[in-house]
N, C-alpha and C. Protein backbone atom coordinates (compact mmCIF):
# COMPACT_ATOMS: atom_id res chain seq x y z
N MET A 1 0.84 -1.16 -0.04
CA MET A 1 0.33 -0.29 0.21
C MET A 1 1.20 1.39 0.14
N ILE A 2 0.35 2.45 -0.58
CA ILE A 2 1.01 3.87 -1.01
C ILE A 2 0.71 4.07 0.96
N ARG A 3 1.90 4.43 1.05
CA ARG A 3 1.68 5.40 2.62
C ARG A 3 2.15 6.38 3.13
N LYS A 4 1.87 7.19 4.34
CA LYS A 4 3.44 8.17 4.75
C LYS A 4 4.51 7.64 5.33
N ILE A 5 5.34 7.59 5.44
CA ILE A 5 6.91 6.62 5.86
C ILE A 5 7.93 7.42 5.73
N ILE A 6 8.43 7.01 7.94
CA ILE A 6 9.82 8.23 7.35
C ILE A 6 11.31 8.05 6.79
N ARG A 7 11.38 8.07 6.57
CA ARG A 7 12.80 8.65 5.32
C ARG A 7 14.24 8.76 6.61
N ILE A 8 15.40 7.95 6.77
CA ILE A 8 16.14 8.68 7.63
C ILE A 8 17.16 8.33 6.46
N ASP A 9 18.26 9.99 6.70
CA ASP A 9 19.24 10.26 5.57
C ASP A 9 20.85 9.22 6.21
N GLU A 10 21.12 9.15 5.40
CA GLU A 10 22.10 8.09 6.60
C GLU A 10 23.36 9.43 6.97
N GLU A 11 23.78 9.36 5.27
CA GLU A 11 24.49 10.44 4.98
C GLU A 11 24.62 11.60 6.66
N LYS A 12 23.79 12.36 6.57
CA LYS A 12 22.93 13.04 7.85
C LYS A 12 23.10 12.48 9.09
N CYS A 13 22.88 11.42 8.88
CA CYS A 13 22.92 11.09 10.56
C CYS A 13 24.42 11.24 11.72
N ASN A 14 23.67 11.18 12.90
CA ASN A 14 25.35 11.37 13.58
C ASN A 14 25.07 10.31 14.07
N GLY A 15 25.07 9.14 14.01
CA GLY A 15 24.36 8.18 15.92
C GLY A 15 24.13 8.87 16.61
N CYS A 16 23.28 9.64 17.49
CA CYS A 16 23.36 9.94 18.61
C CYS A 16 22.07 8.59 19.30
N GLY A 17 21.45 8.35 18.03
CA GLY A 17 20.53 7.30 18.00
C GLY A 17 19.29 8.01 19.35
N ARG A 18 18.72 9.43 19.13
CA ARG A 18 17.79 9.84 19.61
C ARG A 18 16.94 9.50 19.68
N CYS A 19 16.32 9.59 17.67
CA CYS A 19 15.27 9.00 17.18
C CYS A 19 14.72 7.13 17.74
N ALA A 20 16.06 7.01 17.80
CA ALA A 20 15.17 5.27 18.24
C ALA A 20 14.80 5.64 19.92
N GLU A 21 15.15 6.60 20.82
CA GLU A 21 14.59 5.82 22.48
C GLU A 21 13.55 7.25 22.09
N ALA A 22 13.25 7.93 21.02
CA ALA A 22 11.56 8.40 20.82
C ALA A 22 10.87 7.77 20.23
N CYS A 23 11.01 6.89 19.48
CA CYS A 23 10.37 6.14 18.71
C CYS A 23 9.75 5.29 19.63
N HIS A 24 8.27 5.67 20.27
CA HIS A 24 7.23 4.65 20.55
C HIS A 24 7.22 2.98 20.11
N GLU A 25 7.03 2.61 19.14
CA GLU A 25 6.79 1.86 18.55
C GLU A 25 7.85 0.74 17.99
N GLY A 26 9.28 1.02 18.28
CA GLY A 26 10.89 0.27 18.31
C GLY A 26 10.71 -0.19 16.52
N ALA A 27 9.93 1.30 15.53
CA ALA A 27 10.63 0.80 14.01
C ALA A 27 12.34 0.89 13.83
N ILE A 28 12.83 1.61 14.59
CA ILE A 28 14.21 2.78 14.84
C ILE A 28 14.89 1.90 15.52
N GLY A 29 16.06 1.53 15.00
CA GLY A 29 17.91 0.71 15.50
C GLY A 29 18.88 1.18 15.35
N MET A 30 20.11 1.19 15.77
CA MET A 30 21.40 1.12 15.08
C MET A 30 22.02 1.14 15.13
N ILE A 31 22.28 0.97 13.44
CA ILE A 31 23.20 -0.42 12.76
C ILE A 31 24.48 0.24 12.67
N ASN A 32 25.64 -0.26 12.78
CA ASN A 32 26.70 0.38 12.27
C ASN A 32 26.89 1.85 12.88
N GLY A 33 26.15 3.05 13.69
CA GLY A 33 26.84 3.50 13.96
C GLY A 33 25.57 4.49 13.61
N LYS A 34 24.25 3.80 12.85
CA LYS A 34 23.71 5.16 11.50
C LYS A 34 22.47 4.42 12.39
N ALA A 35 21.26 5.04 12.24
CA ALA A 35 20.13 4.98 12.56
C ALA A 35 19.07 4.36 11.33
N ARG A 36 18.62 2.80 11.40
CA ARG A 36 18.21 2.43 10.57
C ARG A 36 16.35 2.03 10.07
N LEU A 37 15.95 2.32 9.92
CA LEU A 37 13.92 2.02 10.59
C LEU A 37 14.22 0.43 10.02
N LEU A 38 13.73 -0.41 11.15
CA LEU A 38 14.37 -1.47 11.16
C LEU A 38 12.76 -2.41 10.80
N ARG A 39 11.88 -2.70 10.97
CA ARG A 39 10.32 -2.88 10.15
C ARG A 39 9.59 -1.46 10.01
N GLU A 40 9.32 -1.91 8.68
CA GLU A 40 8.40 -0.46 8.02
C GLU A 40 7.05 -1.16 9.46
N ASP A 41 6.93 -1.52 9.22
CA ASP A 41 5.63 -2.16 9.77
C ASP A 41 4.69 -1.99 11.24
N TYR A 42 6.43 -1.32 12.07
CA TYR A 42 6.18 -1.08 12.87
C TYR A 42 5.94 0.86 13.10
N CYS A 43 6.44 1.01 12.33
CA CYS A 43 6.36 2.58 12.03
C CYS A 43 4.33 2.82 11.35
N ASP A 44 4.30 3.94 12.61
CA ASP A 44 2.06 4.21 12.10
C ASP A 44 2.24 5.66 11.51
N GLY A 45 3.51 6.09 11.49
CA GLY A 45 3.65 7.47 10.09
C GLY A 45 3.63 8.75 10.79
N LEU A 46 3.28 8.64 12.38
CA LEU A 46 3.21 9.80 12.92
C LEU A 46 4.43 10.74 13.54
N GLY A 47 5.66 10.37 13.51
CA GLY A 47 6.88 11.46 13.40
C GLY A 47 7.41 11.81 14.47
N ASP A 48 6.90 11.00 15.77
CA ASP A 48 7.19 11.34 16.89
C ASP A 48 9.42 11.27 16.68
N CYS A 49 9.86 10.60 16.13
CA CYS A 49 11.55 10.34 16.26
C CYS A 49 11.98 11.67 15.57
N LEU A 50 11.05 13.02 14.40
CA LEU A 50 11.22 13.23 13.95
C LEU A 50 11.86 15.07 14.47
N PRO A 51 11.26 15.46 15.59
CA PRO A 51 11.38 16.68 16.48
C PRO A 51 12.83 16.45 17.65
N ALA A 52 13.10 14.44 17.39
CA ALA A 52 14.25 14.61 18.50
C ALA A 52 15.61 14.41 17.63
N CYS A 53 15.46 14.83 16.60
CA CYS A 53 17.05 14.23 15.37
C CYS A 53 16.61 15.86 15.60
N PRO A 54 18.79 16.04 15.99
CA PRO A 54 18.94 16.96 15.90
C PRO A 54 19.79 17.99 14.66
N VAL A 55 19.92 17.42 14.26
CA VAL A 55 20.67 16.50 12.05
C VAL A 55 19.71 17.51 11.25
N LYS A 56 18.55 16.66 11.88
CA LYS A 56 17.31 16.54 10.56
C LYS A 56 17.28 16.14 9.76
N ALA A 57 18.15 14.49 10.27
CA ALA A 57 18.25 13.79 8.96
C ALA A 57 16.78 12.76 9.01
N ILE A 58 15.55 12.80 9.54
CA ILE A 58 15.03 11.99 9.93
C ILE A 58 13.20 12.79 8.64
N THR A 59 12.52 12.25 7.34
CA THR A 59 11.88 13.03 7.30
C THR A 59 10.88 11.87 6.56
N PHE A 60 9.76 12.86 6.17
CA PHE A 60 8.34 11.86 5.76
C PHE A 60 8.53 11.81 3.89
N GLU A 61 8.18 10.20 3.51
CA GLU A 61 7.95 10.45 2.06
C GLU A 61 6.81 9.63 1.73
N GLU A 62 6.33 9.29 1.14
CA GLU A 62 5.23 9.02 0.39
C GLU A 62 5.16 7.90 -0.02
N ARG A 63 5.30 6.19 -0.07
CA ARG A 63 6.09 5.92 -1.10
C ARG A 63 5.09 3.65 -0.91
N GLU A 64 4.74 3.45 -1.42
CA GLU A 64 4.70 1.50 -1.11
C GLU A 64 5.51 0.96 -0.09
N ALA A 65 4.82 0.96 1.38
CA ALA A 65 4.88 0.10 1.89
C ALA A 65 4.43 -0.96 2.90
N SER A 66 4.70 -1.61 4.12
CA SER A 66 4.03 -2.92 4.70
C SER A 66 3.44 -1.68 5.63
N ALA A 67 1.46 -2.17 5.51
CA ALA A 67 0.69 -0.89 6.66
C ALA A 67 1.24 -1.41 8.00
N TYR A 68 1.19 -0.56 8.82
CA TYR A 68 1.10 -0.03 10.58
C TYR A 68 0.81 -1.76 10.82
N ASP A 69 1.20 -2.01 11.78
CA ASP A 69 0.60 -4.14 12.26
C ASP A 69 1.25 -3.39 13.51
N GLU A 70 -0.66 -2.81 14.33
CA GLU A 70 -0.04 -2.00 15.55
C GLU A 70 -0.05 -3.37 17.13
N ALA A 71 -1.00 -4.73 16.82
CA ALA A 71 -0.82 -6.04 16.73
C ALA A 71 0.62 -6.11 17.82
N ALA A 72 1.59 -6.10 16.60
CA ALA A 72 2.51 -7.09 16.45
C ALA A 72 3.04 -6.01 17.28
N VAL A 73 3.57 -4.66 16.80
CA VAL A 73 3.69 -4.04 17.52
C VAL A 73 4.03 -3.43 19.36
N LEU A 74 2.48 -4.21 19.85
CA LEU A 74 2.12 -4.58 20.79
C LEU A 74 2.85 -5.76 21.52
N ALA A 75 2.54 -7.01 20.30
CA ALA A 75 3.22 -7.28 20.69
C ALA A 75 4.44 -7.73 21.51
N ALA A 76 5.28 -7.05 20.12
CA ALA A 76 6.83 -6.86 20.76
C ALA A 76 7.15 -6.44 22.31
N LYS A 77 6.29 -5.25 22.83
CA LYS A 77 6.78 -4.08 23.42
C LYS A 77 6.37 -5.61 24.58
N ALA A 78 5.26 -6.27 24.43
CA ALA A 78 5.12 -6.83 25.18
C ALA A 78 6.40 -7.77 26.23
N GLN A 79 6.32 -8.85 25.23
CA GLN A 79 7.49 -9.29 24.85
C GLN A 79 8.89 -9.29 25.49
N LYS A 80 9.06 -7.71 25.55
CA LYS A 80 10.38 -7.36 26.38
C LYS A 80 10.62 -6.38 27.66
N SER A 81 8.62 -6.69 27.53
CA SER A 81 8.55 -6.26 29.74
C SER A 81 8.13 -7.38 29.64
N LYS A 82 8.77 -8.51 29.62
CA LYS A 82 8.70 -9.56 30.35
C LYS A 82 10.26 -9.88 30.81
N PRO A 83 9.99 -10.37 32.07
CA PRO A 83 11.37 -10.46 32.82
C PRO A 83 11.94 -11.28 32.84
N LEU A 84 13.20 -11.42 32.63
CA LEU A 84 13.90 -12.13 32.41
C LEU A 84 13.72 -13.44 33.18
N PRO A 85 14.74 -15.13 32.44
CA PRO A 85 14.73 -16.16 33.42
C PRO A 85 15.43 -15.89 35.14
N CYS A 86 16.57 -15.25 35.02
CA CYS A 86 17.12 -14.74 35.86
C CYS A 86 16.29 -13.71 37.12
N GLY A 87 15.16 -13.29 36.57
CA GLY A 87 15.06 -11.88 36.87
C GLY A 87 15.38 -10.43 37.35
N CYS A 88 16.58 -10.37 36.51
CA CYS A 88 17.17 -9.54 37.14
C CYS A 88 17.40 -8.58 35.49
N PRO A 89 16.36 -7.11 36.02
CA PRO A 89 16.91 -6.31 34.81
C PRO A 89 18.27 -6.00 34.17
N GLY A 90 18.90 -6.05 34.66
CA GLY A 90 20.92 -5.73 34.39
C GLY A 90 20.44 -6.40 33.18
N MET A 91 20.39 -7.62 32.61
CA MET A 91 20.67 -8.30 31.69
C MET A 91 20.74 -8.42 30.40
N HIS A 92 18.83 -7.20 30.06
CA HIS A 92 19.03 -5.80 29.44
C HIS A 92 19.76 -5.21 28.49
N SER A 93 20.13 -6.37 27.01
CA SER A 93 20.76 -5.28 26.65
C SER A 93 20.81 -3.95 25.63
N ARG A 94 21.17 -2.94 25.95
CA ARG A 94 20.64 -1.86 25.32
C ARG A 94 22.41 -0.81 24.97
N ALA A 95 21.89 -0.63 23.41
CA ALA A 95 22.31 0.65 23.18
C ALA A 95 22.80 1.92 24.68
N ILE A 96 24.16 2.88 24.90
CA ILE A 96 24.07 3.69 25.31
C ILE A 96 24.18 4.85 24.56
N SER A 97 23.80 5.65 24.66
CA SER A 97 24.19 7.28 23.71
C SER A 97 24.19 8.12 24.27
N ARG A 98 26.32 8.79 23.58
CA ARG A 98 26.35 9.63 24.33
C ARG A 98 27.00 11.37 23.61
N THR A 99 26.20 12.35 24.14
CA THR A 99 26.52 12.75 23.46
C THR A 99 27.19 14.40 24.08
N GLU A 100 27.20 14.28 25.31
CA GLU A 100 27.77 15.40 26.52
C GLU A 100 29.47 15.11 26.07
N THR A 101 30.21 16.32 26.29
CA THR A 101 31.71 16.11 25.66
C THR A 101 32.33 16.76 26.93
N ALA A 102 31.59 17.29 27.81
CA ALA A 102 32.08 17.73 29.28
C ALA A 102 31.01 17.93 30.25
N ALA A 103 31.59 17.39 32.04
CA ALA A 103 29.98 18.16 32.20
C ALA A 103 30.36 18.74 32.66
N PRO A 104 29.23 19.52 33.26
CA PRO A 104 29.05 20.71 34.00
C PRO A 104 29.58 21.87 33.79
N ASP A 105 29.91 20.88 35.62
CA ASP A 105 30.30 21.48 36.78
C ASP A 105 31.26 21.30 36.10
N ASN A 106 32.05 21.13 35.62
CA ASN A 106 34.25 21.02 35.32
C ASN A 106 34.39 19.61 35.88
N ARG A 107 34.05 18.96 36.87
CA ARG A 107 34.07 18.23 38.19
C ARG A 107 34.03 16.39 38.52
N THR A 108 32.17 16.69 37.61
CA THR A 108 32.28 15.08 37.24
C THR A 108 32.78 15.00 35.39
N VAL A 109 33.47 13.58 36.13
CA VAL A 109 33.55 12.72 34.80
C VAL A 109 32.81 12.03 33.85
N ILE A 110 32.50 11.84 32.39
CA ILE A 110 31.35 11.87 32.12
C ILE A 110 31.95 10.22 31.36
N SER A 111 30.95 9.09 31.98
CA SER A 111 31.51 8.08 31.69
C SER A 111 32.19 7.19 29.91
N GLN A 112 32.63 6.45 29.63
CA GLN A 112 32.61 6.69 28.21
C GLN A 112 31.91 5.26 27.90
N LEU A 113 31.09 4.30 28.86
CA LEU A 113 30.78 3.57 28.46
C LEU A 113 29.21 3.49 27.04
N SER A 114 29.48 2.51 26.27
CA SER A 114 28.76 2.66 25.41
C SER A 114 27.29 1.35 24.48
N GLN A 115 27.67 0.36 26.09
CA GLN A 115 26.46 0.09 25.66
C GLN A 115 26.35 -0.98 26.73
N TRP A 116 25.30 -1.79 27.21
CA TRP A 116 25.18 -2.75 28.31
C TRP A 116 24.16 -3.96 28.68
N PRO A 117 24.98 -4.99 28.82
CA PRO A 117 25.53 -5.48 30.04
C PRO A 117 26.46 -5.07 30.30
N VAL A 118 27.92 -5.30 30.18
CA VAL A 118 29.20 -5.86 30.19
C VAL A 118 29.86 -7.45 30.48
N GLN A 119 29.54 -7.50 31.54
CA GLN A 119 29.71 -8.63 31.51
C GLN A 119 30.03 -10.14 30.97
N ILE A 120 30.90 -10.27 30.52
CA ILE A 120 31.04 -11.37 29.60
C ILE A 120 29.59 -12.31 29.21
N LYS A 121 29.49 -12.42 30.21
CA LYS A 121 29.29 -13.90 30.88
C LYS A 121 27.04 -13.55 30.46
N LEU A 122 27.37 -12.44 31.14
CA LEU A 122 25.99 -11.54 30.26
C LEU A 122 25.00 -11.03 28.80
N VAL A 123 26.04 -10.59 28.46
CA VAL A 123 25.93 -9.81 27.36
C VAL A 123 25.44 -10.39 26.34
N PRO A 124 24.63 -10.32 25.29
CA PRO A 124 23.62 -11.13 24.27
C PRO A 124 25.02 -11.65 22.87
N VAL A 125 25.97 -12.52 22.26
CA VAL A 125 26.10 -12.64 21.78
C VAL A 125 26.28 -11.96 20.23
N ASN A 126 24.42 -11.90 20.15
CA ASN A 126 24.53 -11.54 18.56
C ASN A 126 23.22 -9.68 19.28
N ALA A 127 24.26 -9.00 19.82
CA ALA A 127 23.31 -7.89 20.09
C ALA A 127 24.36 -6.67 18.98
N PRO A 128 23.29 -6.06 19.06
CA PRO A 128 23.77 -5.06 17.40
C PRO A 128 24.38 -3.97 17.86
N TYR A 129 25.11 -3.76 18.58
CA TYR A 129 26.23 -2.93 19.14
C TYR A 129 27.86 -4.13 19.06
N PHE A 130 26.67 -5.14 17.94
CA PHE A 130 28.87 -5.30 17.86
C PHE A 130 29.15 -5.56 16.49
N ASP A 131 28.34 -5.56 15.65
CA ASP A 131 28.43 -4.68 14.33
C ASP A 131 29.38 -3.62 13.55
N GLY A 132 30.43 -3.88 13.30
CA GLY A 132 31.48 -2.93 13.44
C GLY A 132 32.00 -2.38 14.87
N ALA A 133 32.29 -3.03 15.96
CA ALA A 133 32.86 -2.23 16.51
C ALA A 133 34.29 -2.74 17.22
N ASN A 134 34.83 -1.31 17.26
CA ASN A 134 36.25 -1.97 18.48
C ASN A 134 36.07 -2.04 19.30
N LEU A 135 36.36 -3.64 19.89
CA LEU A 135 36.11 -4.46 20.79
C LEU A 135 37.15 -4.57 22.01
N LEU A 136 36.63 -4.18 23.38
CA LEU A 136 37.77 -3.78 24.65
C LEU A 136 37.07 -5.30 25.30
N ILE A 137 38.44 -6.62 25.00
CA ILE A 137 38.02 -7.52 26.11
C ILE A 137 38.55 -6.96 27.65
N ALA A 138 38.30 -6.82 28.87
CA ALA A 138 38.90 -6.38 30.06
C ALA A 138 39.28 -7.36 31.33
N ALA A 139 39.32 -7.20 31.97
CA ALA A 139 39.37 -8.12 33.52
C ALA A 139 38.62 -7.01 33.91
N ASP A 140 38.38 -6.94 35.20
CA ASP A 140 37.69 -6.23 35.63
C ASP A 140 38.55 -5.60 36.56
N CYS A 141 39.40 -5.98 36.94
CA CYS A 141 39.98 -4.97 37.60
C CYS A 141 40.73 -4.16 37.30
N THR A 142 40.91 -4.46 36.02
CA THR A 142 42.36 -2.72 35.79
C THR A 142 41.51 -2.08 35.09
N ALA A 143 39.74 -1.39 35.17
CA ALA A 143 39.19 -0.40 35.35
C ALA A 143 39.25 0.64 37.02
N TYR A 144 39.49 -0.29 37.66
CA TYR A 144 40.57 0.24 39.15
C TYR A 144 41.90 0.88 39.25
N ALA A 145 42.46 0.11 38.65
CA ALA A 145 44.21 0.03 39.21
C ALA A 145 44.15 1.23 37.68
N TYR A 146 43.35 0.88 36.72
CA TYR A 146 44.16 2.50 36.18
C TYR A 146 43.56 3.43 35.63
N GLY A 147 43.55 4.34 36.41
CA GLY A 147 42.60 5.92 36.56
C GLY A 147 42.32 6.14 35.10
N ARG A 148 43.00 6.40 34.35
CA ARG A 148 42.29 6.40 32.59
C ARG A 148 41.78 5.50 31.72
N PHE A 149 41.65 4.58 32.81
CA PHE A 149 40.59 3.10 31.72
C PHE A 149 39.83 3.44 31.01
N HIS A 150 38.82 4.47 31.37
CA HIS A 150 37.08 5.15 30.57
C HIS A 150 38.22 5.54 29.31
N GLU A 151 39.13 7.10 29.39
CA GLU A 151 39.35 7.57 28.71
C GLU A 151 40.47 6.36 27.95
N ASP A 152 41.18 6.27 27.52
CA ASP A 152 42.73 5.04 26.99
C ASP A 152 41.92 3.95 26.87
N PHE A 153 40.84 3.34 26.98
CA PHE A 153 40.49 2.35 26.63
C PHE A 153 38.93 2.37 26.23
N ILE A 154 37.91 2.80 26.51
CA ILE A 154 36.49 2.06 26.78
C ILE A 154 35.51 3.19 25.77
N ARG A 155 36.28 5.07 25.79
CA ARG A 155 36.23 5.24 24.57
C ARG A 155 35.93 4.94 23.38
N ASN A 156 35.21 4.75 22.03
CA ASN A 156 35.18 4.33 21.45
C ASN A 156 34.96 3.03 21.38
N ARG A 157 35.13 1.94 21.99
CA ARG A 157 34.58 0.45 21.65
C ARG A 157 34.02 0.02 22.80
N VAL A 158 33.40 -0.56 22.15
CA VAL A 158 32.34 -2.12 22.68
C VAL A 158 33.14 -2.78 24.19
N THR A 159 32.40 -2.89 25.39
CA THR A 159 34.01 -3.68 25.61
C THR A 159 32.97 -4.10 27.00
N LEU A 160 33.93 -5.53 26.75
CA LEU A 160 33.75 -6.86 27.73
C LEU A 160 34.40 -7.18 29.21
N ILE A 161 33.74 -7.12 29.96
CA ILE A 161 35.24 -7.92 31.44
C ILE A 161 34.19 -8.79 31.64
N GLY A 162 35.19 -9.58 32.83
CA GLY A 162 35.11 -10.92 33.76
C GLY A 162 36.40 -11.60 34.15
N CYS A 163 35.82 -12.23 34.94
CA CYS A 163 37.69 -12.32 36.11
C CYS A 163 37.47 -13.93 35.53
N PRO A 164 38.67 -14.14 35.43
CA PRO A 164 38.76 -16.02 34.86
C PRO A 164 38.76 -16.37 35.85
N LYS A 165 38.95 -16.09 37.34
CA LYS A 165 39.76 -16.41 38.36
C LYS A 165 37.91 -16.89 39.41
N LEU A 166 37.47 -15.51 39.42
CA LEU A 166 36.30 -15.06 39.94
C LEU A 166 34.64 -15.94 39.17
N ASP A 167 34.94 -15.74 37.76
CA ASP A 167 33.81 -16.88 36.67
C ASP A 167 34.01 -18.22 36.11
N GLU A 168 32.75 -19.05 36.28
CA GLU A 168 32.50 -20.50 36.17
C GLU A 168 33.19 -20.79 35.01
N GLY A 169 34.10 -21.69 34.58
CA GLY A 169 34.04 -22.26 33.21
C GLY A 169 34.66 -21.30 32.67
N ASP A 170 34.61 -21.75 31.08
CA ASP A 170 36.31 -20.35 30.17
C ASP A 170 35.02 -20.05 29.03
N TYR A 171 35.94 -18.47 28.95
CA TYR A 171 35.51 -17.31 27.80
C TYR A 171 35.13 -17.82 26.37
N THR A 172 36.13 -18.72 26.40
CA THR A 172 36.68 -19.04 24.85
C THR A 172 35.62 -19.46 23.65
N GLU A 173 34.29 -20.27 24.10
CA GLU A 173 33.60 -20.28 23.54
C GLU A 173 32.35 -19.38 22.89
N LYS A 174 32.29 -18.83 23.91
CA LYS A 174 30.71 -16.80 23.64
C LYS A 174 32.01 -16.32 23.04
N LEU A 175 33.63 -16.11 23.82
CA LEU A 175 33.98 -14.61 22.57
C LEU A 175 33.98 -15.30 21.00
N THR A 176 34.02 -16.10 21.03
CA THR A 176 34.30 -17.11 19.86
C THR A 176 33.21 -16.76 18.76
N GLN A 177 31.48 -16.64 20.06
CA GLN A 177 30.69 -16.62 19.04
C GLN A 177 29.95 -15.25 18.61
N ILE A 178 30.60 -14.03 19.58
CA ILE A 178 30.55 -12.71 19.30
C ILE A 178 31.54 -12.79 17.91
N ILE A 179 32.88 -12.89 18.14
CA ILE A 179 33.97 -12.64 17.06
C ILE A 179 33.27 -13.18 15.44
N THR A 180 32.82 -14.50 16.05
CA THR A 180 31.91 -14.83 14.98
C THR A 180 30.94 -14.28 13.63
N GLY A 181 30.21 -13.73 14.59
CA GLY A 181 28.68 -13.31 13.94
C GLY A 181 28.84 -11.98 14.28
N ASN A 182 29.49 -11.57 14.11
CA ASN A 182 29.71 -9.85 14.48
C ASN A 182 30.90 -9.82 13.50
N SER A 183 30.43 -8.41 12.68
CA SER A 183 31.14 -7.45 12.27
C SER A 183 32.63 -6.79 13.24
N ILE A 184 32.97 -7.43 14.33
CA ILE A 184 34.03 -6.53 15.14
C ILE A 184 35.51 -6.03 13.38
N LYS A 185 36.16 -5.19 14.77
CA LYS A 185 36.87 -4.42 13.48
C LYS A 185 38.08 -4.27 13.74
N SER A 186 38.32 -4.12 15.10
CA SER A 186 39.45 -4.27 15.79
C SER A 186 39.25 -5.26 17.74
N LEU A 187 40.42 -5.80 17.88
CA LEU A 187 40.30 -5.96 19.64
C LEU A 187 41.20 -5.54 20.41
N THR A 188 40.81 -5.33 21.57
CA THR A 188 41.94 -5.07 22.60
C THR A 188 42.05 -5.38 23.61
N ILE A 189 42.81 -6.20 23.70
CA ILE A 189 42.67 -7.10 24.72
C ILE A 189 43.45 -6.41 26.21
N VAL A 190 42.69 -5.84 27.53
CA VAL A 190 43.48 -5.26 28.61
C VAL A 190 43.63 -6.04 29.88
N ARG A 191 44.43 -6.41 30.43
CA ARG A 191 44.70 -7.39 31.51
C ARG A 191 44.99 -6.92 32.25
N MET A 192 45.26 -7.28 33.50
CA MET A 192 46.29 -7.77 35.18
C MET A 192 47.41 -8.32 34.38
N GLU A 193 49.00 -7.52 35.78
CA GLU A 193 50.24 -8.81 35.23
C GLU A 193 49.71 -9.65 36.16
N VAL A 194 49.11 -9.75 36.55
CA VAL A 194 48.82 -11.03 37.63
C VAL A 194 48.66 -12.18 36.62
N PRO A 195 49.09 -13.70 36.91
CA PRO A 195 49.09 -14.85 35.94
C PRO A 195 47.59 -15.10 35.71
N CYS A 196 46.85 -14.84 36.76
CA CYS A 196 45.89 -16.07 36.75
C CYS A 196 45.18 -15.14 35.33
N CYS A 197 45.21 -13.53 35.59
CA CYS A 197 44.28 -12.72 34.31
C CYS A 197 45.45 -13.78 32.14
N GLY A 198 45.95 -14.61 33.12
CA GLY A 198 46.36 -14.96 31.51
C GLY A 198 45.25 -15.93 30.86
N GLY A 199 44.21 -16.40 31.56
CA GLY A 199 43.22 -17.43 31.14
C GLY A 199 42.44 -15.96 30.50
N LEU A 200 42.40 -14.66 30.45
CA LEU A 200 40.86 -13.68 29.55
C LEU A 200 42.23 -14.09 28.36
N GLU A 201 43.11 -13.61 28.67
CA GLU A 201 44.14 -13.17 27.22
C GLU A 201 44.18 -14.33 26.29
N ASN A 202 44.06 -15.38 26.91
CA ASN A 202 44.74 -17.33 26.66
C ASN A 202 43.45 -17.19 25.77
N ALA A 203 42.20 -16.92 26.99
CA ALA A 203 41.09 -17.49 25.96
C ALA A 203 40.22 -16.05 24.62
N ALA A 204 40.80 -15.04 24.59
CA ALA A 204 40.33 -14.48 23.51
C ALA A 204 41.25 -14.78 22.80
N LYS A 205 42.55 -14.96 22.32
CA LYS A 205 43.44 -14.97 21.66
C LYS A 205 42.81 -16.32 20.82
N ARG A 206 42.65 -17.31 21.52
CA ARG A 206 41.80 -18.33 21.11
C ARG A 206 40.34 -17.95 19.93
N ALA A 207 39.77 -17.49 20.51
CA ALA A 207 38.57 -17.33 19.63
C ALA A 207 38.51 -16.76 19.29
N LEU A 208 39.68 -16.19 18.79
CA LEU A 208 40.22 -15.21 17.49
C LEU A 208 40.36 -15.92 16.52
N GLN A 209 41.65 -16.53 16.93
CA GLN A 209 42.31 -17.95 16.39
C GLN A 209 40.82 -19.00 15.36
N ALA A 210 39.68 -19.24 16.05
CA ALA A 210 38.65 -20.78 16.30
C ALA A 210 37.89 -19.34 14.91
N SER A 211 37.48 -17.91 15.39
CA SER A 211 36.73 -17.08 13.83
C SER A 211 37.38 -16.98 12.99
N GLY A 212 38.89 -17.20 12.86
CA GLY A 212 39.15 -18.07 11.54
C GLY A 212 39.21 -16.32 10.67
N LYS A 213 38.84 -15.27 11.49
CA LYS A 213 38.78 -14.00 11.03
C LYS A 213 40.58 -12.94 11.22
N PHE A 214 40.68 -12.25 10.09
CA PHE A 214 41.81 -11.79 10.38
C PHE A 214 41.82 -9.60 11.15
N ILE A 215 41.90 -9.79 11.38
CA ILE A 215 41.68 -8.40 12.94
C ILE A 215 43.04 -8.32 13.88
N PRO A 216 42.43 -6.48 13.24
CA PRO A 216 44.07 -6.02 14.49
C PRO A 216 43.54 -6.48 15.75
N TRP A 217 45.03 -6.65 16.49
CA TRP A 217 44.40 -6.94 18.04
C TRP A 217 45.45 -6.90 18.95
N GLN A 218 45.63 -6.40 19.81
CA GLN A 218 46.36 -5.85 20.77
C GLN A 218 46.94 -5.64 22.41
N VAL A 219 47.35 -7.07 22.88
CA VAL A 219 47.32 -6.92 24.35
C VAL A 219 47.95 -6.23 25.11
N VAL A 220 46.82 -5.52 26.21
CA VAL A 220 47.52 -4.06 27.41
C VAL A 220 47.56 -4.63 28.39
N THR A 221 49.30 -5.06 29.05
CA THR A 221 49.41 -5.32 30.66
C THR A 221 49.22 -3.87 31.62
N ILE A 222 48.17 -4.09 32.52
CA ILE A 222 48.79 -2.97 33.55
C ILE A 222 48.98 -3.39 34.89
N SER A 223 50.14 -3.04 35.53
CA SER A 223 50.59 -3.97 36.49
C SER A 223 49.12 -3.04 37.97
N THR A 224 50.11 -3.61 39.07
CA THR A 224 48.68 -3.61 40.57
C THR A 224 48.43 -2.09 40.22
N ASP A 225 50.23 -1.71 40.57
CA ASP A 225 49.92 -0.04 40.80
C ASP A 225 49.72 0.65 39.78
N GLY A 226 48.93 0.49 38.83
CA GLY A 226 48.30 1.61 37.95
C GLY A 226 48.48 2.00 37.00
N LYS A 227 50.19 1.00 36.33
CA LYS A 227 51.18 1.81 35.30
C LYS A 227 50.90 0.87 33.96
N VAL A 228 50.33 1.34 32.90
CA VAL A 228 50.58 0.54 31.43
C VAL A 228 52.66 -0.06 31.45
N ILE A 229 52.49 -1.59 31.36
CA ILE A 229 53.30 -2.00 30.86
C ILE A 229 54.21 -2.65 29.67
N GLU A 230 55.38 -1.61 29.46
CA GLU A 230 55.54 -1.83 27.75
C GLU A 230 55.61 -3.23 27.32
């Protein structure tokens, strides 16, 4: 049918994600840092997303498109609102849009984290924020030991953390699924100098090897007194 529907100009889109947040129907999502119309039948043509876009990348057009399916939208909303098996809302996967460059009071340091969750055991292997991502796999102690962790490592990366000494099982299988199933652009492994952190580094290396992909990678080691070991 011919109807009014949104059009997103990807060249203008700055990837802020505000339109996706404003779309109550879930028709818009972020892929490779750009807003995309994921489901035509979820777009009601009312345009709540238009005023949310700071760069005017969204307009209306009339074209052949699937009819708006209110029942499907309501069903999708109901599915998202269901509690997870563990009952923990902290496992819900989501991207985090960062538009601030400095805190208003010049004292508060702004987080550089771009997604949730961050624990390797909790993150979905097919989360959309993995597409085109620079992936950071870090031992959880590194963020406490190294003072500039957000600025030097988390910034512009998708972050996964874990502790091979405390977590049950091995990370290799899950990391292999993440690297194999997504278009990861680069891999940075940040570990502590303590021997047990070798388990995290080795799991990441084995996963990269098992994926069969040629991805730029590096290992950074942090000392227990918070210095980068060359």
